[in-house]
Protein backbone atom coordinates (compact mmCIF):
# COMPACT_ATOMS: atom_id res chain seq x y z
CA MET A 1 -30.78 -35.51 -21.82
CA GLN A 2 -32.43 -38.09 -20.33
CA LEU A 3 -35.79 -38.34 -18.46
CA VAL A 4 -35.65 -40.52 -15.27
CA HIS A 5 -38.65 -41.63 -13.44
CA ALA A 6 -38.36 -41.92 -9.65
CA GLY A 7 -41.91 -43.20 -8.35
CA GLU A 8 -44.40 -40.42 -9.05
CA HIS A 9 -41.49 -37.81 -10.20
CA GLN A 10 -39.83 -37.31 -13.39
CA VAL A 11 -36.42 -35.91 -13.40
CA VAL A 12 -34.47 -34.46 -16.19
CA LEU A 13 -30.86 -35.29 -16.36
CA LEU A 14 -28.64 -33.21 -18.29
CA GLU A 15 -25.47 -34.40 -20.07
CA LEU A 16 -23.13 -31.27 -20.37
CA ASP A 17 -19.99 -31.18 -21.99
CA SER A 18 -17.37 -29.59 -20.08
CA GLU A 19 -15.32 -28.63 -23.04
CA THR A 20 -18.14 -26.89 -24.64
CA LEU A 21 -18.86 -25.12 -21.39
CA ARG A 22 -15.20 -23.91 -21.36
CA GLN A 23 -15.33 -22.67 -24.61
CA SER A 24 -18.53 -20.86 -23.87
CA ALA A 25 -16.77 -19.07 -20.96
CA GLU A 26 -13.53 -18.19 -23.09
CA GLU A 27 -15.85 -16.86 -26.02
CA ALA A 28 -17.20 -14.65 -23.42
CA GLY A 29 -13.84 -13.13 -22.42
CA LEU A 30 -13.32 -15.23 -18.92
CA THR A 31 -10.93 -17.63 -18.05
CA CYS A 32 -12.66 -21.10 -16.69
CA ALA A 33 -11.81 -23.84 -14.90
CA VAL A 34 -14.43 -26.74 -15.05
CA GLU A 35 -15.22 -29.15 -12.35
CA ASP A 36 -17.19 -31.93 -13.28
CA THR A 37 -19.24 -34.08 -10.52
CA PRO A 38 -21.96 -36.38 -10.74
CA ARG A 39 -24.85 -33.81 -9.90
CA SER A 40 -23.52 -30.64 -11.11
CA VAL A 41 -20.77 -28.82 -12.88
CA VAL A 42 -18.89 -26.29 -11.49
CA LEU A 43 -17.15 -23.23 -13.18
CA ASP A 44 -14.30 -21.34 -11.72
CA LEU A 45 -14.40 -17.88 -13.58
CA SER A 46 -11.95 -15.21 -13.69
CA ALA A 47 -11.49 -12.07 -15.77
CA LEU A 48 -8.18 -11.13 -14.22
CA ASP A 49 -7.19 -8.60 -17.23
CA ARG A 50 -10.16 -6.74 -16.95
CA GLU A 51 -9.97 -3.23 -15.37
CA GLY A 52 -13.08 -2.86 -13.38
CA PRO A 53 -14.97 -5.68 -11.57
CA LEU A 54 -17.40 -8.21 -12.73
CA LEU A 55 -21.04 -6.52 -12.95
CA LEU A 56 -22.64 -8.06 -10.05
CA PHE A 57 -24.64 -5.12 -8.44
CA ASP A 58 -27.30 -4.49 -5.64
CA ALA A 59 -30.65 -4.52 -7.09
CA SER A 60 -32.02 -2.47 -4.29
CA ASP A 61 -29.63 0.48 -4.26
CA PRO A 62 -31.34 3.52 -5.99
CA ALA A 63 -27.84 4.46 -7.39
CA ASN A 64 -27.87 1.19 -9.48
CA GLY A 65 -31.23 2.24 -11.33
CA GLY A 66 -29.53 2.22 -14.72
CA TRP A 67 -28.12 -1.07 -14.15
CA PHE A 68 -31.39 -2.65 -13.09
CA SER A 69 -33.53 -1.50 -15.98
CA ARG A 70 -31.41 -3.25 -18.18
CA CYS A 71 -30.36 -6.47 -16.89
CA GLN A 72 -31.82 -9.68 -17.79
CA PHE A 73 -30.78 -11.80 -14.99
CA TYR A 74 -31.15 -11.57 -11.24
CA ILE A 75 -29.77 -13.29 -8.36
CA ASP A 76 -31.20 -14.38 -5.04
CA ALA A 77 -28.47 -13.29 -2.66
CA ARG A 78 -29.72 -15.51 0.12
CA THR A 79 -29.33 -18.87 -1.84
CA GLY A 80 -27.06 -17.92 -4.66
CA ALA A 81 -29.63 -18.89 -7.41
CA VAL A 82 -29.73 -17.18 -10.76
CA LEU A 83 -33.51 -16.70 -11.25
CA GLN A 84 -35.21 -18.93 -13.87
CA THR A 85 -31.77 -20.99 -14.67
CA PRO A 86 -30.15 -24.01 -13.02
CA PHE A 87 -27.42 -21.87 -11.91
CA THR A 88 -26.13 -20.89 -8.50
CA VAL A 89 -23.49 -18.39 -8.07
CA ALA A 90 -20.99 -17.92 -5.28
CA ASN A 91 -18.32 -15.09 -4.65
CA SER A 92 -14.71 -16.27 -5.14
CA LYS A 93 -12.70 -15.03 -2.24
CA ASP A 94 -9.21 -13.00 -2.46
CA ALA A 95 -6.33 -13.68 0.00
CA ALA A 96 -7.80 -11.60 2.54
CA GLY A 97 -11.16 -13.20 2.53
CA ARG A 98 -13.06 -10.46 0.55
CA PRO A 99 -15.07 -11.23 -2.64
CA HIS A 100 -12.54 -10.85 -5.45
CA PRO A 101 -13.91 -8.43 -7.83
CA ARG A 102 -12.83 -10.23 -10.94
CA ALA A 103 -13.90 -14.02 -10.28
CA LEU A 104 -17.02 -15.72 -9.57
CA ARG A 105 -18.25 -19.53 -9.15
CA VAL A 106 -20.96 -20.88 -11.03
CA GLN A 107 -22.43 -24.21 -10.29
CA ILE A 108 -24.93 -25.67 -13.04
CA ALA A 109 -27.34 -28.40 -11.59
CA LYS A 110 -27.62 -31.52 -13.94
CA GLU A 111 -30.81 -32.72 -12.38
CA LEU A 112 -33.73 -30.72 -12.60
CA PRO A 113 -37.64 -31.31 -12.05
CA SER A 114 -39.41 -32.24 -15.57
CA HIS A 115 -41.53 -29.14 -15.22
CA PHE A 116 -38.31 -26.81 -14.66
CA ARG A 117 -38.50 -24.03 -17.62
CA MET A 118 -35.72 -21.61 -18.74
CA PRO A 119 -36.08 -18.00 -19.52
CA GLY A 120 -39.12 -17.54 -22.09
CA ARG A 121 -40.85 -20.54 -20.62
CA GLN A 122 -38.40 -22.94 -22.88
CA PRO A 123 -37.90 -26.61 -21.88
CA VAL A 124 -34.58 -27.55 -20.52
CA THR A 125 -32.05 -28.93 -23.03
CA GLU A 126 -28.36 -28.71 -23.34
CA LYS A 127 -28.51 -26.31 -26.31
CA VAL A 128 -30.76 -24.02 -24.38
CA LEU A 129 -28.79 -24.40 -21.45
CA TYR A 130 -25.55 -23.44 -23.33
CA GLY A 131 -27.06 -20.56 -25.08
CA VAL A 132 -28.48 -19.28 -21.47
CA LEU A 133 -25.17 -19.72 -19.99
CA PHE A 134 -23.50 -17.58 -22.58
CA ASN A 135 -25.90 -14.64 -22.20
CA PHE A 136 -25.41 -15.02 -18.32
CA LEU A 137 -21.52 -14.81 -18.86
CA ALA A 138 -21.67 -11.89 -21.21
CA ALA A 139 -24.23 -10.07 -18.94
CA ILE A 140 -21.80 -9.94 -16.01
CA GLN A 141 -19.17 -8.47 -18.20
CA ARG A 142 -21.38 -6.02 -20.20
CA VAL A 143 -24.90 -5.33 -18.96
CA GLY A 144 -24.82 -6.28 -15.06
CA VAL A 145 -26.65 -8.84 -13.20
CA GLY A 146 -28.86 -7.78 -10.21
CA ILE A 147 -28.53 -9.28 -6.54
CA CYS A 148 -31.67 -9.01 -4.79
CA GLY A 149 -31.73 -8.87 -1.14
CA GLN A 150 -28.68 -9.56 1.26
CA GLY A 151 -27.08 -13.03 2.00
CA ILE A 152 -24.04 -14.99 0.78
CA VAL A 153 -23.65 -13.43 -2.74
CA ARG A 154 -22.20 -10.02 -2.19
CA PRO A 155 -21.99 -7.15 -5.38
CA LEU A 156 -18.81 -6.64 -6.84
CA ALA A 157 -19.72 -3.23 -8.79
CA GLY A 158 -21.85 -0.07 -7.86
CA ARG A 159 -21.71 1.03 -4.34
CA ILE A 160 -20.23 -1.78 -2.02
CA ASP A 161 -21.07 -1.55 1.52
CA ALA A 162 -19.35 -3.52 4.13
CA PRO A 163 -21.33 -6.69 5.43
CA PRO A 164 -23.34 -5.85 8.60
CA SER A 165 -21.38 -6.24 11.79
CA ARG A 166 -22.25 -8.77 14.33
């Protein structure tokens, strides 16, 4: 981890290890392909052997109240941002262009403002990020992750409505 000064701004540069990220995903029970770029790392995750879909659900649907009360991660559907993390989520598409129920893309930002805090108000470090990522990956398989609002990220579990027609 490095702290970089750019004029009045300070930026934390994370030095993420691709192999550690891949191993974390595999320990959580997911197949993972890692793409490392200068400003982010992209994880293509899949659980093709899984019987049901990954547990991304619409947090506003009253039928999902049981999941909503247990989840610890929420996604802004408009942007794909996982709240209080440097993660951005996107649905993977199947051959017909629909969201694949057992696959997901997660982008991890390597450049963060120095005031950025992880859940529990923890300052960002690589070690904290690996722990939060493992908890997030476990949550999409066991507990559930709520999607707030409507936008680019679509639910994979619970009642899945067709996108609004234009």
